[in-house]
N, C-alpha and C. Protein backbone atom coordinates (compact mmCIF):
# COMPACT_ATOMS: atom_id res chain seq x y z
N MET A 1 54.96 50.81 -143.83
CA MET A 1 54.48 51.70 -142.79
C MET A 1 53.33 52.53 -143.35
N ALA A 2 52.26 52.60 -142.61
CA ALA A 2 51.12 53.41 -143.01
C ALA A 2 51.06 54.67 -142.15
N VAL A 3 50.92 55.81 -142.79
CA VAL A 3 50.86 57.09 -142.09
C VAL A 3 49.69 57.88 -142.64
N LYS A 4 48.88 58.43 -141.74
CA LYS A 4 47.80 59.35 -142.11
C LYS A 4 48.00 60.63 -141.32
N VAL A 5 48.12 61.73 -142.03
CA VAL A 5 48.35 63.03 -141.40
C VAL A 5 47.33 64.03 -141.92
N ASN A 6 46.62 64.65 -141.02
CA ASN A 6 45.68 65.73 -141.35
C ASN A 6 45.77 66.72 -140.20
N ILE A 7 46.64 67.71 -140.33
CA ILE A 7 46.91 68.63 -139.23
C ILE A 7 46.91 70.08 -139.69
N GLU A 8 46.76 70.96 -138.72
CA GLU A 8 46.90 72.40 -138.93
C GLU A 8 47.71 72.98 -137.79
N LYS A 9 48.60 73.89 -138.11
CA LYS A 9 49.38 74.61 -137.10
C LYS A 9 49.50 76.05 -137.58
N ASN A 10 49.12 76.97 -136.72
CA ASN A 10 49.14 78.39 -137.09
C ASN A 10 50.24 79.14 -136.34
N PHE A 11 50.90 79.99 -137.07
CA PHE A 11 51.93 80.88 -136.54
C PHE A 11 51.51 82.30 -136.88
N ARG A 12 52.24 83.26 -136.38
CA ARG A 12 51.88 84.65 -136.64
C ARG A 12 51.86 84.97 -138.14
N ASP A 13 52.86 84.51 -138.88
CA ASP A 13 52.96 84.85 -140.30
C ASP A 13 52.79 83.66 -141.23
N PHE A 14 52.37 82.51 -140.70
CA PHE A 14 52.35 81.29 -141.51
C PHE A 14 51.29 80.34 -140.98
N SER A 15 50.52 79.74 -141.87
CA SER A 15 49.56 78.71 -141.49
C SER A 15 49.90 77.43 -142.24
N LEU A 16 50.14 76.36 -141.50
CA LEU A 16 50.46 75.06 -142.07
C LEU A 16 49.21 74.20 -142.08
N LYS A 17 48.84 73.71 -143.25
CA LYS A 17 47.72 72.78 -143.39
C LYS A 17 48.23 71.61 -144.21
N VAL A 18 48.22 70.43 -143.61
CA VAL A 18 48.78 69.24 -144.24
C VAL A 18 47.74 68.14 -144.20
N ASP A 19 47.54 67.46 -145.33
CA ASP A 19 46.61 66.34 -145.40
C ASP A 19 47.17 65.33 -146.40
N PHE A 20 47.69 64.21 -145.90
CA PHE A 20 48.19 63.16 -146.79
C PHE A 20 48.16 61.83 -146.06
N GLU A 21 48.24 60.78 -146.85
CA GLU A 21 48.42 59.45 -146.29
C GLU A 21 49.27 58.65 -147.25
N GLY A 22 50.00 57.72 -146.68
CA GLY A 22 50.86 56.88 -147.50
C GLY A 22 51.12 55.56 -146.82
N SER A 23 51.43 54.56 -147.62
CA SER A 23 51.70 53.25 -147.06
C SER A 23 52.99 52.65 -147.61
N SER A 24 53.79 53.46 -148.26
CA SER A 24 55.06 53.00 -148.81
C SER A 24 56.11 52.91 -147.71
N ALA A 25 57.17 52.17 -148.00
CA ALA A 25 58.27 52.07 -147.04
C ALA A 25 58.96 53.42 -146.87
N ALA A 26 58.95 54.23 -147.91
CA ALA A 26 59.55 55.57 -147.85
C ALA A 26 58.53 56.58 -148.36
N ILE A 27 58.41 57.67 -147.64
CA ILE A 27 57.51 58.75 -148.04
C ILE A 27 58.32 60.03 -148.10
N GLY A 28 58.23 60.76 -149.20
CA GLY A 28 58.98 62.00 -149.36
C GLY A 28 58.06 63.21 -149.26
N LEU A 29 58.59 64.27 -148.66
CA LEU A 29 57.89 65.55 -148.62
C LEU A 29 58.69 66.53 -149.46
N LEU A 30 58.05 67.07 -150.47
CA LEU A 30 58.71 68.01 -151.37
C LEU A 30 58.05 69.37 -151.25
N GLY A 31 58.84 70.42 -151.33
CA GLY A 31 58.29 71.76 -151.29
C GLY A 31 59.39 72.79 -151.25
N ALA A 32 59.02 74.00 -151.49
CA ALA A 32 59.97 75.11 -151.49
C ALA A 32 60.48 75.39 -150.08
N SER A 33 61.55 76.12 -149.99
CA SER A 33 62.10 76.53 -148.71
C SER A 33 61.04 77.31 -147.93
N GLY A 34 60.82 76.93 -146.68
CA GLY A 34 59.85 77.62 -145.85
C GLY A 34 58.41 77.17 -146.02
N SER A 35 58.20 76.08 -146.76
CA SER A 35 56.82 75.65 -147.03
C SER A 35 56.25 74.76 -145.94
N GLY A 36 57.06 74.33 -144.96
CA GLY A 36 56.52 73.56 -143.84
C GLY A 36 56.92 72.10 -143.79
N LYS A 37 57.88 71.68 -144.60
CA LYS A 37 58.31 70.28 -144.60
C LYS A 37 58.86 69.87 -143.24
N SER A 38 59.78 70.62 -142.70
CA SER A 38 60.38 70.29 -141.40
C SER A 38 59.36 70.39 -140.28
N MET A 39 58.49 71.37 -140.32
CA MET A 39 57.47 71.51 -139.28
C MET A 39 56.51 70.33 -139.32
N THR A 40 56.19 69.85 -140.51
CA THR A 40 55.34 68.67 -140.64
C THR A 40 56.01 67.47 -139.98
N LEU A 41 57.28 67.27 -140.25
CA LEU A 41 58.02 66.15 -139.64
C LEU A 41 58.12 66.32 -138.13
N ARG A 42 58.30 67.54 -137.67
CA ARG A 42 58.36 67.79 -136.23
C ARG A 42 57.03 67.46 -135.55
N CYS A 43 55.94 67.74 -136.23
CA CYS A 43 54.61 67.39 -135.69
C CYS A 43 54.41 65.89 -135.66
N ILE A 44 54.81 65.20 -136.73
CA ILE A 44 54.67 63.75 -136.77
C ILE A 44 55.52 63.10 -135.68
N ALA A 45 56.72 63.62 -135.47
CA ALA A 45 57.62 63.06 -134.46
C ALA A 45 57.21 63.41 -133.04
N GLY A 46 56.34 64.40 -132.86
CA GLY A 46 55.91 64.79 -131.52
C GLY A 46 56.73 65.90 -130.90
N ILE A 47 57.63 66.47 -131.67
CA ILE A 47 58.44 67.58 -131.16
C ILE A 47 57.60 68.85 -131.07
N GLU A 48 56.71 69.03 -132.05
CA GLU A 48 55.75 70.14 -132.05
C GLU A 48 54.35 69.56 -131.94
N THR A 49 53.44 70.30 -131.38
CA THR A 49 52.05 69.86 -131.27
C THR A 49 51.18 70.67 -132.24
N PRO A 50 50.50 69.99 -133.15
CA PRO A 50 49.61 70.72 -134.07
C PRO A 50 48.48 71.41 -133.29
N ASP A 51 47.92 72.44 -133.88
CA ASP A 51 46.78 73.12 -133.26
C ASP A 51 45.52 72.27 -133.35
N LYS A 52 45.38 71.57 -134.46
CA LYS A 52 44.24 70.66 -134.60
C LYS A 52 44.56 69.61 -135.65
N GLY A 53 43.81 68.52 -135.60
CA GLY A 53 43.98 67.48 -136.59
C GLY A 53 44.23 66.12 -135.96
N ARG A 54 44.79 65.24 -136.80
CA ARG A 54 44.99 63.86 -136.38
C ARG A 54 46.20 63.28 -137.09
N ILE A 55 46.98 62.47 -136.35
CA ILE A 55 48.12 61.75 -136.91
C ILE A 55 47.98 60.29 -136.49
N VAL A 56 47.98 59.40 -137.49
CA VAL A 56 47.87 57.96 -137.25
C VAL A 56 49.06 57.27 -137.91
N ILE A 57 49.77 56.45 -137.14
CA ILE A 57 50.91 55.70 -137.65
C ILE A 57 50.65 54.22 -137.43
N ASN A 58 50.63 53.47 -138.52
CA ASN A 58 50.35 52.03 -138.48
C ASN A 58 49.11 51.70 -137.65
N GLY A 59 48.06 52.46 -137.85
CA GLY A 59 46.80 52.21 -137.17
C GLY A 59 46.72 52.73 -135.75
N LYS A 60 47.80 53.28 -135.22
CA LYS A 60 47.82 53.84 -133.86
C LYS A 60 47.70 55.35 -133.94
N THR A 61 46.68 55.89 -133.30
CA THR A 61 46.51 57.33 -133.27
C THR A 61 47.52 57.90 -132.27
N VAL A 62 48.45 58.71 -132.77
CA VAL A 62 49.45 59.31 -131.89
C VAL A 62 49.13 60.76 -131.56
N PHE A 63 48.21 61.36 -132.33
CA PHE A 63 47.72 62.70 -132.02
C PHE A 63 46.31 62.84 -132.55
N ASP A 64 45.41 63.36 -131.71
CA ASP A 64 44.05 63.66 -132.14
C ASP A 64 43.55 64.82 -131.30
N SER A 65 43.43 65.99 -131.92
CA SER A 65 43.03 67.18 -131.18
C SER A 65 41.59 67.10 -130.68
N ALA A 66 40.78 66.27 -131.31
CA ALA A 66 39.39 66.12 -130.88
C ALA A 66 39.25 65.26 -129.63
N ASN A 67 40.31 64.53 -129.29
CA ASN A 67 40.29 63.64 -128.14
C ASN A 67 41.60 63.80 -127.39
N ALA A 68 41.58 64.55 -126.32
CA ALA A 68 42.82 64.85 -125.57
C ALA A 68 43.54 63.59 -125.11
N SER A 69 42.83 62.49 -124.89
CA SER A 69 43.49 61.26 -124.44
C SER A 69 44.30 60.60 -125.56
N GLU A 70 44.17 61.08 -126.79
CA GLU A 70 44.92 60.52 -127.91
C GLU A 70 46.28 61.21 -128.09
N ARG A 71 46.71 61.96 -127.12
CA ARG A 71 48.04 62.58 -127.17
C ARG A 71 48.98 61.71 -126.37
N HIS A 72 49.33 60.57 -126.97
CA HIS A 72 50.09 59.54 -126.28
C HIS A 72 51.57 59.86 -126.18
N THR A 73 52.16 59.40 -125.13
CA THR A 73 53.61 59.25 -125.11
C THR A 73 53.87 57.85 -125.63
N LEU A 74 55.10 57.55 -125.99
CA LEU A 74 55.39 56.22 -126.51
C LEU A 74 55.12 55.15 -125.46
N ALA A 75 55.45 55.41 -124.21
CA ALA A 75 55.22 54.42 -123.16
C ALA A 75 53.73 54.15 -123.01
N ALA A 76 52.90 55.19 -123.07
CA ALA A 76 51.46 55.02 -122.91
C ALA A 76 50.84 54.31 -124.09
N SER A 77 51.47 54.39 -125.27
CA SER A 77 50.89 53.74 -126.44
C SER A 77 51.40 52.32 -126.61
N GLY A 78 52.10 51.80 -125.61
CA GLY A 78 52.51 50.41 -125.64
C GLY A 78 53.86 50.17 -126.28
N CYS A 79 54.63 51.20 -126.49
CA CYS A 79 55.94 51.02 -127.11
C CYS A 79 56.99 50.89 -126.03
N SER A 80 57.72 49.81 -126.06
CA SER A 80 58.77 49.63 -125.06
C SER A 80 60.16 49.95 -125.61
N LYS A 81 60.25 50.24 -126.91
CA LYS A 81 61.55 50.50 -127.52
C LYS A 81 62.14 51.82 -127.06
N TYR A 82 61.28 52.83 -126.86
CA TYR A 82 61.72 54.14 -126.42
C TYR A 82 60.82 54.61 -125.29
N SER A 83 61.37 55.35 -124.37
CA SER A 83 60.55 55.86 -123.28
C SER A 83 60.29 57.36 -123.42
N CYS A 84 60.85 57.97 -124.45
CA CYS A 84 60.66 59.41 -124.65
C CYS A 84 59.30 59.68 -125.29
N ARG A 85 58.94 60.95 -125.40
CA ARG A 85 57.72 61.35 -126.07
C ARG A 85 57.80 60.98 -127.54
N ARG A 86 56.82 61.10 -128.33
CA ARG A 86 56.72 60.58 -129.68
C ARG A 86 57.88 60.93 -130.60
N THR A 87 59.01 61.33 -130.09
CA THR A 87 60.13 61.73 -130.94
C THR A 87 60.51 60.63 -131.92
N PHE A 88 60.43 59.40 -131.49
CA PHE A 88 60.80 58.28 -132.36
C PHE A 88 59.58 57.45 -132.73
N ALA A 89 58.43 58.07 -132.82
CA ALA A 89 57.18 57.35 -133.07
C ALA A 89 57.22 56.56 -134.37
N VAL A 90 57.79 57.14 -135.41
CA VAL A 90 57.80 56.46 -136.69
C VAL A 90 58.62 55.19 -136.62
N GLU A 91 59.82 55.24 -136.02
CA GLU A 91 60.64 54.05 -135.91
C GLU A 91 60.00 53.04 -134.96
N CYS A 92 59.40 53.52 -133.90
CA CYS A 92 58.85 52.66 -132.87
C CYS A 92 57.64 51.87 -133.36
N CYS A 93 56.82 52.49 -134.14
CA CYS A 93 55.55 51.88 -134.51
C CYS A 93 55.62 51.04 -135.77
N LEU A 94 56.80 50.81 -136.30
CA LEU A 94 56.93 49.99 -137.51
C LEU A 94 56.51 48.57 -137.26
């Protein structure tokens, strides 16, 4: 699975800036408590929407703040396995 993530999400007391890519079968996120690991996963899954950036899974852009039409639901991106919003994007796009 190939994943490219370059996102930013701002909160009142916290700014998350993430930029990584990987093509391994398993990708780990390591960091201290409160460093944004879960929020990063929530953004990749589509549970949270980043303020800006881009998320690409297996060559499919699932989020792109520069192009509003790139905010796909799974059904719109051609996935028939799930009909929900990108919650299962990683499993679906394998």
